N, C-alpha and C. Protein backbone atom coordinates (compact mmCIF):
# COMPACT_ATOMS: atom_id res chain seq x y z
N MET A 1 67.88 98.06 52.94
CA MET A 1 68.71 97.46 53.96
C MET A 1 69.08 98.55 54.98
N ALA A 2 68.91 98.28 56.23
CA ALA A 2 69.26 99.24 57.28
C ALA A 2 70.77 99.38 57.34
N GLU A 3 71.21 100.55 57.73
CA GLU A 3 72.63 100.80 57.80
C GLU A 3 73.06 100.89 59.26
N SER A 4 74.12 100.21 59.58
CA SER A 4 74.70 100.36 60.91
C SER A 4 76.13 100.84 60.72
N SER A 5 76.67 101.35 61.75
CA SER A 5 78.05 101.81 61.65
C SER A 5 78.65 101.82 63.04
N SER A 6 79.95 101.91 63.05
CA SER A 6 80.65 102.01 64.32
C SER A 6 81.57 103.21 64.27
N GLN A 7 81.71 103.85 65.39
CA GLN A 7 82.59 105.00 65.47
C GLN A 7 83.85 104.54 66.18
N GLY A 8 84.97 104.87 65.63
CA GLY A 8 86.22 104.45 66.23
C GLY A 8 87.12 105.61 66.54
N GLN A 9 87.65 105.62 67.73
CA GLN A 9 88.63 106.61 68.12
C GLN A 9 89.98 106.04 67.74
N GLN A 10 90.69 106.70 66.86
CA GLN A 10 92.00 106.26 66.43
C GLN A 10 93.02 106.59 67.51
N PRO A 11 94.18 105.91 67.47
CA PRO A 11 95.21 106.17 68.49
C PRO A 11 95.65 107.63 68.56
N ASP A 12 95.57 108.36 67.44
CA ASP A 12 95.99 109.76 67.43
C ASP A 12 94.86 110.71 67.78
N GLY A 13 93.71 110.17 68.21
CA GLY A 13 92.60 111.00 68.63
C GLY A 13 91.59 111.33 67.54
N THR A 14 91.89 110.95 66.30
CA THR A 14 90.97 111.20 65.19
C THR A 14 89.72 110.34 65.36
N SER A 15 88.58 110.93 65.09
CA SER A 15 87.33 110.19 65.18
C SER A 15 86.78 110.00 63.77
N LEU A 16 86.75 108.76 63.32
CA LEU A 16 86.20 108.41 62.02
C LEU A 16 85.06 107.43 62.25
N LYS A 17 84.10 107.46 61.36
CA LYS A 17 82.97 106.54 61.47
C LYS A 17 83.09 105.51 60.36
N VAL A 18 83.18 104.25 60.76
CA VAL A 18 83.22 103.15 59.80
C VAL A 18 81.78 102.82 59.44
N LEU A 19 81.49 102.76 58.15
CA LEU A 19 80.14 102.47 57.67
C LEU A 19 80.04 100.99 57.32
N GLN A 20 79.18 100.29 58.05
CA GLN A 20 79.00 98.85 57.88
C GLN A 20 77.51 98.55 57.85
N PRO A 21 76.93 98.34 56.66
CA PRO A 21 75.50 98.04 56.60
C PRO A 21 75.14 96.80 57.42
N ALA A 22 74.01 96.88 58.10
CA ALA A 22 73.53 95.78 58.94
C ALA A 22 73.35 94.53 58.09
N GLY A 23 73.78 93.40 58.62
CA GLY A 23 73.61 92.13 57.94
C GLY A 23 74.70 91.80 56.94
N TRP A 24 75.55 92.77 56.61
CA TRP A 24 76.64 92.47 55.68
C TRP A 24 77.76 91.77 56.42
N PRO A 25 78.49 90.87 55.75
CA PRO A 25 79.65 90.25 56.39
C PRO A 25 80.72 91.30 56.69
N GLN A 26 81.42 91.12 57.78
CA GLN A 26 82.49 92.04 58.17
C GLN A 26 83.64 91.90 57.18
N PRO A 27 84.07 93.00 56.53
CA PRO A 27 85.18 92.91 55.59
C PRO A 27 86.49 92.62 56.33
N LYS A 28 87.42 91.99 55.64
CA LYS A 28 88.72 91.66 56.23
C LYS A 28 89.79 92.56 55.62
N GLY A 29 90.34 93.45 56.42
CA GLY A 29 91.43 94.29 55.97
C GLY A 29 91.02 95.58 55.28
N TYR A 30 89.74 95.91 55.30
CA TYR A 30 89.27 97.17 54.72
C TYR A 30 87.90 97.48 55.30
N ALA A 31 87.40 98.67 55.02
CA ALA A 31 86.05 99.06 55.43
C ALA A 31 85.22 99.25 54.18
N ASN A 32 83.91 99.02 54.30
CA ASN A 32 83.01 99.29 53.18
C ASN A 32 82.91 100.78 52.91
N GLY A 33 82.99 101.58 53.95
CA GLY A 33 82.92 103.02 53.80
C GLY A 33 83.39 103.71 55.07
N MET A 34 83.73 104.98 54.94
CA MET A 34 84.19 105.79 56.07
C MET A 34 83.49 107.14 56.00
N LEU A 35 83.12 107.67 57.16
CA LEU A 35 82.56 109.01 57.27
C LEU A 35 83.55 109.86 58.04
N ALA A 36 83.89 111.02 57.48
CA ALA A 36 84.84 111.91 58.13
C ALA A 36 84.53 113.34 57.74
N ARG A 37 84.86 114.26 58.63
CA ARG A 37 84.75 115.70 58.34
C ARG A 37 86.07 116.35 58.65
N GLY A 38 86.41 117.34 57.85
CA GLY A 38 87.63 118.06 58.13
C GLY A 38 88.37 118.44 56.87
N GLU A 39 89.65 118.70 57.05
CA GLU A 39 90.52 119.11 55.96
C GLU A 39 91.04 117.88 55.23
N MET A 40 90.90 117.87 53.90
CA MET A 40 91.27 116.69 53.13
C MET A 40 92.71 116.77 52.66
N VAL A 41 93.36 115.61 52.66
CA VAL A 41 94.72 115.47 52.16
C VAL A 41 94.69 114.39 51.08
N PHE A 42 95.17 114.72 49.89
CA PHE A 42 95.20 113.78 48.78
C PHE A 42 96.66 113.42 48.50
N VAL A 43 96.96 112.14 48.55
CA VAL A 43 98.32 111.68 48.29
C VAL A 43 98.31 110.99 46.94
N GLY A 44 99.12 111.49 46.04
CA GLY A 44 99.23 110.92 44.70
C GLY A 44 99.77 109.50 44.75
N GLY A 45 99.77 108.85 43.63
CA GLY A 45 100.23 107.46 43.56
C GLY A 45 101.66 107.30 44.04
N MET A 46 101.84 106.51 45.07
CA MET A 46 103.15 106.22 45.62
C MET A 46 103.58 104.81 45.21
N ILE A 47 104.85 104.69 44.86
CA ILE A 47 105.40 103.38 44.57
C ILE A 47 106.46 103.06 45.61
N GLY A 48 107.00 101.88 45.57
CA GLY A 48 107.99 101.44 46.55
C GLY A 48 109.39 101.87 46.21
N ILE A 49 109.60 103.18 46.17
CA ILE A 49 110.91 103.74 45.83
C ILE A 49 111.41 104.53 47.03
N ASP A 50 112.69 104.41 47.33
CA ASP A 50 113.22 105.09 48.50
C ASP A 50 113.74 106.48 48.14
N SER A 51 114.25 107.21 49.14
CA SER A 51 114.69 108.59 48.95
C SER A 51 115.92 108.69 48.04
N GLU A 52 116.60 107.58 47.83
CA GLU A 52 117.76 107.54 46.93
C GLU A 52 117.34 107.21 45.49
N GLY A 53 116.06 106.90 45.31
CA GLY A 53 115.58 106.56 43.98
C GLY A 53 115.63 105.08 43.65
N TYR A 54 115.86 104.24 44.67
CA TYR A 54 115.93 102.80 44.43
C TYR A 54 114.58 102.15 44.70
N LEU A 55 114.18 101.31 43.78
CA LEU A 55 112.93 100.58 43.89
C LEU A 55 113.16 99.32 44.73
N ALA A 56 112.30 99.09 45.70
CA ALA A 56 112.41 97.90 46.55
C ALA A 56 112.26 96.65 45.68
N LYS A 57 112.85 95.56 46.13
CA LYS A 57 112.80 94.29 45.39
C LYS A 57 111.63 93.46 45.88
N GLY A 58 110.73 93.12 44.99
CA GLY A 58 109.61 92.25 45.33
C GLY A 58 108.34 93.00 45.64
N PHE A 59 107.23 92.32 45.43
CA PHE A 59 105.91 92.91 45.57
C PHE A 59 105.64 93.43 46.98
N VAL A 60 105.85 92.60 47.98
CA VAL A 60 105.55 92.99 49.37
C VAL A 60 106.47 94.13 49.81
N ALA A 61 107.74 94.05 49.47
CA ALA A 61 108.68 95.12 49.85
C ALA A 61 108.27 96.44 49.18
N GLN A 62 107.83 96.38 47.93
CA GLN A 62 107.38 97.60 47.26
C GLN A 62 106.11 98.15 47.92
N ALA A 63 105.20 97.26 48.29
CA ALA A 63 103.97 97.70 48.95
C ALA A 63 104.28 98.38 50.28
N LYS A 64 105.13 97.77 51.08
CA LYS A 64 105.46 98.34 52.39
C LYS A 64 106.11 99.71 52.23
N LEU A 65 107.01 99.85 51.27
CA LEU A 65 107.67 101.13 51.07
C LEU A 65 106.70 102.17 50.49
N ALA A 66 105.80 101.75 49.62
CA ALA A 66 104.78 102.68 49.10
C ALA A 66 103.92 103.21 50.25
N LEU A 67 103.52 102.33 51.16
CA LEU A 67 102.73 102.75 52.32
C LEU A 67 103.54 103.68 53.22
N ALA A 68 104.82 103.37 53.42
CA ALA A 68 105.68 104.25 54.22
C ALA A 68 105.81 105.62 53.55
N ASN A 69 105.88 105.65 52.23
CA ASN A 69 105.94 106.92 51.50
C ASN A 69 104.66 107.72 51.69
N ILE A 70 103.53 107.03 51.69
CA ILE A 70 102.25 107.70 51.96
C ILE A 70 102.27 108.31 53.36
N ALA A 71 102.74 107.54 54.34
CA ALA A 71 102.82 108.04 55.72
C ALA A 71 103.73 109.27 55.80
N ALA A 72 104.82 109.28 55.04
CA ALA A 72 105.74 110.42 55.04
C ALA A 72 105.06 111.67 54.47
N VAL A 73 104.32 111.52 53.39
CA VAL A 73 103.59 112.66 52.81
C VAL A 73 102.55 113.16 53.81
N LEU A 74 101.84 112.23 54.45
CA LEU A 74 100.83 112.63 55.43
C LEU A 74 101.44 113.43 56.58
N ARG A 75 102.63 113.03 57.04
CA ARG A 75 103.29 113.76 58.12
C ARG A 75 103.51 115.23 57.75
N GLU A 76 103.75 115.50 56.46
CA GLU A 76 103.93 116.87 56.00
C GLU A 76 102.68 117.72 56.24
N ALA A 77 101.52 117.06 56.32
CA ALA A 77 100.25 117.76 56.56
C ALA A 77 99.84 117.68 58.03
N GLY A 78 100.70 117.10 58.88
CA GLY A 78 100.34 116.92 60.28
C GLY A 78 99.40 115.75 60.47
N ALA A 79 99.38 114.84 59.53
CA ALA A 79 98.47 113.68 59.57
C ALA A 79 99.26 112.40 59.78
N SER A 80 98.53 111.31 59.97
CA SER A 80 99.13 110.00 60.15
C SER A 80 98.28 108.98 59.38
N PRO A 81 98.74 107.74 59.28
CA PRO A 81 97.92 106.73 58.62
C PRO A 81 96.52 106.59 59.20
N GLY A 82 96.32 106.90 60.47
CA GLY A 82 95.01 106.82 61.09
C GLY A 82 94.01 107.83 60.54
N HIS A 83 94.48 108.80 59.76
CA HIS A 83 93.60 109.79 59.13
C HIS A 83 93.13 109.34 57.75
N ILE A 84 93.67 108.26 57.23
CA ILE A 84 93.31 107.81 55.88
C ILE A 84 91.88 107.29 55.86
N VAL A 85 91.13 107.74 54.87
CA VAL A 85 89.75 107.25 54.71
C VAL A 85 89.61 106.38 53.47
N ARG A 86 90.58 106.44 52.55
CA ARG A 86 90.49 105.64 51.33
C ARG A 86 91.88 105.38 50.76
N LEU A 87 92.08 104.14 50.34
CA LEU A 87 93.28 103.74 49.60
C LEU A 87 92.85 103.09 48.29
N THR A 88 93.54 103.42 47.22
CA THR A 88 93.32 102.74 45.95
C THR A 88 94.66 102.15 45.53
N TRP A 89 94.66 100.84 45.38
CA TRP A 89 95.86 100.09 44.98
C TRP A 89 95.74 99.78 43.49
N TYR A 90 96.78 100.06 42.74
CA TYR A 90 96.88 99.68 41.33
C TYR A 90 98.00 98.64 41.25
N VAL A 91 97.65 97.44 40.82
CA VAL A 91 98.63 96.36 40.74
C VAL A 91 98.74 95.88 39.30
N VAL A 92 99.94 95.47 38.91
CA VAL A 92 100.12 94.99 37.53
C VAL A 92 99.78 93.52 37.38
N ASP A 93 99.61 92.81 38.49
CA ASP A 93 99.28 91.38 38.43
C ASP A 93 98.43 91.02 39.64
N MET A 94 97.14 90.83 39.43
CA MET A 94 96.22 90.53 40.53
C MET A 94 96.58 89.21 41.21
N GLU A 95 97.07 88.25 40.46
CA GLU A 95 97.45 86.97 41.07
C GLU A 95 98.64 87.15 42.00
N GLU A 96 99.56 88.02 41.64
CA GLU A 96 100.70 88.33 42.51
C GLU A 96 100.20 88.94 43.82
N TYR A 97 99.22 89.84 43.72
CA TYR A 97 98.61 90.45 44.91
C TYR A 97 97.95 89.37 45.77
N ARG A 98 97.13 88.55 45.16
CA ARG A 98 96.42 87.50 45.91
C ARG A 98 97.38 86.54 46.59
N ALA A 99 98.44 86.15 45.90
CA ALA A 99 99.41 85.20 46.46
C ALA A 99 100.16 85.80 47.65
N ALA A 100 100.25 87.12 47.70
CA ALA A 100 101.03 87.79 48.74
C ALA A 100 100.16 88.32 49.88
N ARG A 101 98.87 88.01 49.90
CA ARG A 101 97.97 88.65 50.86
C ARG A 101 98.38 88.49 52.31
N ARG A 102 98.83 87.34 52.72
CA ARG A 102 99.23 87.16 54.13
C ARG A 102 100.44 88.05 54.46
N ALA A 103 101.46 88.00 53.63
CA ALA A 103 102.66 88.83 53.86
C ALA A 103 102.32 90.31 53.72
N LEU A 104 101.42 90.64 52.80
CA LEU A 104 100.98 92.03 52.65
C LEU A 104 100.29 92.52 53.92
N GLY A 105 99.47 91.66 54.51
CA GLY A 105 98.79 92.03 55.75
C GLY A 105 99.77 92.40 56.84
N THR A 106 100.82 91.60 56.96
CA THR A 106 101.85 91.88 57.97
C THR A 106 102.55 93.20 57.67
N ALA A 107 102.97 93.39 56.42
CA ALA A 107 103.66 94.62 56.04
C ALA A 107 102.74 95.83 56.23
N TYR A 108 101.48 95.68 55.85
CA TYR A 108 100.50 96.76 55.99
C TYR A 108 100.39 97.18 57.46
N ARG A 109 100.21 96.22 58.36
CA ARG A 109 100.04 96.55 59.79
C ARG A 109 101.29 97.19 60.38
N GLU A 110 102.47 96.83 59.86
CA GLU A 110 103.71 97.43 60.36
C GLU A 110 103.75 98.92 60.08
N VAL A 111 103.14 99.36 58.99
CA VAL A 111 103.14 100.78 58.62
C VAL A 111 101.86 101.47 59.07
N MET A 112 100.72 100.82 58.82
CA MET A 112 99.42 101.44 59.02
C MET A 112 98.77 101.11 60.36
N GLY A 113 99.29 100.17 61.08
CA GLY A 113 98.65 99.72 62.30
C GLY A 113 97.41 98.92 61.96
N ARG A 114 96.42 98.98 62.83
CA ARG A 114 95.18 98.23 62.61
C ARG A 114 94.08 99.16 62.10
N HIS A 115 94.45 100.10 61.29
CA HIS A 115 93.51 101.04 60.67
C HIS A 115 93.21 100.54 59.26
N PHE A 116 91.94 100.25 59.00
CA PHE A 116 91.55 99.67 57.72
C PHE A 116 90.48 100.54 57.06
N PRO A 117 90.91 101.51 56.22
CA PRO A 117 89.96 102.40 55.56
C PRO A 117 89.27 101.70 54.38
N ALA A 118 88.41 102.44 53.69
CA ALA A 118 87.82 101.94 52.45
C ALA A 118 88.96 101.73 51.46
N MET A 119 88.90 100.63 50.73
CA MET A 119 89.97 100.30 49.79
C MET A 119 89.43 99.70 48.52
N ALA A 120 90.19 99.89 47.47
CA ALA A 120 89.93 99.21 46.20
C ALA A 120 91.27 98.73 45.66
N VAL A 121 91.25 97.58 44.99
CA VAL A 121 92.45 97.05 44.33
C VAL A 121 92.08 96.87 42.86
N VAL A 122 92.86 97.48 42.00
CA VAL A 122 92.58 97.47 40.57
C VAL A 122 93.80 96.94 39.82
N GLU A 123 93.59 95.99 38.93
CA GLU A 123 94.68 95.52 38.08
C GLU A 123 94.80 96.46 36.88
N VAL A 124 96.04 96.87 36.61
CA VAL A 124 96.30 97.76 35.48
C VAL A 124 97.30 97.10 34.54
N ASN A 125 97.32 97.57 33.33
CA ASN A 125 98.19 97.02 32.31
C ASN A 125 99.66 97.30 32.60
N ARG A 126 99.95 98.53 33.03
CA ARG A 126 101.32 98.92 33.38
C ARG A 126 101.29 100.22 34.17
N LEU A 127 102.43 100.53 34.77
CA LEU A 127 102.60 101.75 35.54
C LEU A 127 103.69 102.60 34.89
N LEU A 128 103.77 103.85 35.28
CA LEU A 128 104.77 104.74 34.69
C LEU A 128 106.18 104.21 34.91
N GLU A 129 106.48 103.75 36.14
CA GLU A 129 107.79 103.16 36.44
C GLU A 129 107.72 101.69 35.99
N PRO A 130 108.46 101.31 34.95
CA PRO A 130 108.32 99.97 34.36
C PRO A 130 108.55 98.80 35.34
N LEU A 131 109.39 98.97 36.34
CA LEU A 131 109.67 97.87 37.27
C LEU A 131 108.79 97.88 38.51
N ALA A 132 107.94 98.89 38.65
CA ALA A 132 107.03 98.95 39.80
C ALA A 132 105.95 97.89 39.63
N ARG A 133 105.64 97.21 40.73
CA ARG A 133 104.62 96.17 40.73
C ARG A 133 103.27 96.71 41.18
N LEU A 134 103.28 97.88 41.85
CA LEU A 134 102.04 98.47 42.35
C LEU A 134 102.24 99.95 42.60
N GLU A 135 101.12 100.65 42.71
CA GLU A 135 101.09 102.07 43.05
C GLU A 135 99.87 102.26 43.93
N ILE A 136 99.99 103.10 44.96
CA ILE A 136 98.89 103.29 45.91
C ILE A 136 98.61 104.78 46.07
N GLU A 137 97.32 105.15 45.95
CA GLU A 137 96.85 106.51 46.23
C GLU A 137 96.13 106.51 47.58
N ALA A 138 96.16 107.65 48.26
CA ALA A 138 95.49 107.75 49.56
C ALA A 138 94.73 109.07 49.65
N THR A 139 93.63 109.01 50.38
CA THR A 139 92.89 110.21 50.78
C THR A 139 92.76 110.16 52.29
N ALA A 140 93.11 111.26 52.93
CA ALA A 140 93.03 111.36 54.39
C ALA A 140 92.21 112.59 54.75
N VAL A 141 91.67 112.59 55.97
CA VAL A 141 90.89 113.73 56.46
C VAL A 141 91.40 114.07 57.86
N LEU A 142 91.80 115.33 58.01
CA LEU A 142 92.19 115.84 59.32
C LEU A 142 90.98 116.49 59.98
N PRO A 143 90.74 116.24 61.28
CA PRO A 143 89.57 116.85 61.93
C PRO A 143 89.70 118.36 62.03
């Protein structure tokens, strides 16, 4: 299968290449792959907990805060959500994730904008924080 791709200039000037094989359906809310060069930033699993140690109430609220926490860690490296090339979501209930997809999309765009890196969503048995509904890891690349 031939491979096609598009190059996108992010709002912060970062140039990432979205990898989209020719003939494949366009993914919704993620990319099949990303090409980037530069300095890598790895963000450990973030949950929806605030600076006071309080866990947000509800799946979408936890997701939004986890993404905001990722953005805060990225800022420490001089990066932004537009530098993210991969997100891995760990959820304790896949049906809860599926049921919240529309609201998740809104919350996601409020933090991440319209940047959709490669993503995976994995259902797990449990997380370290017993009341956490999800945990998200990120990989970013600075040019």
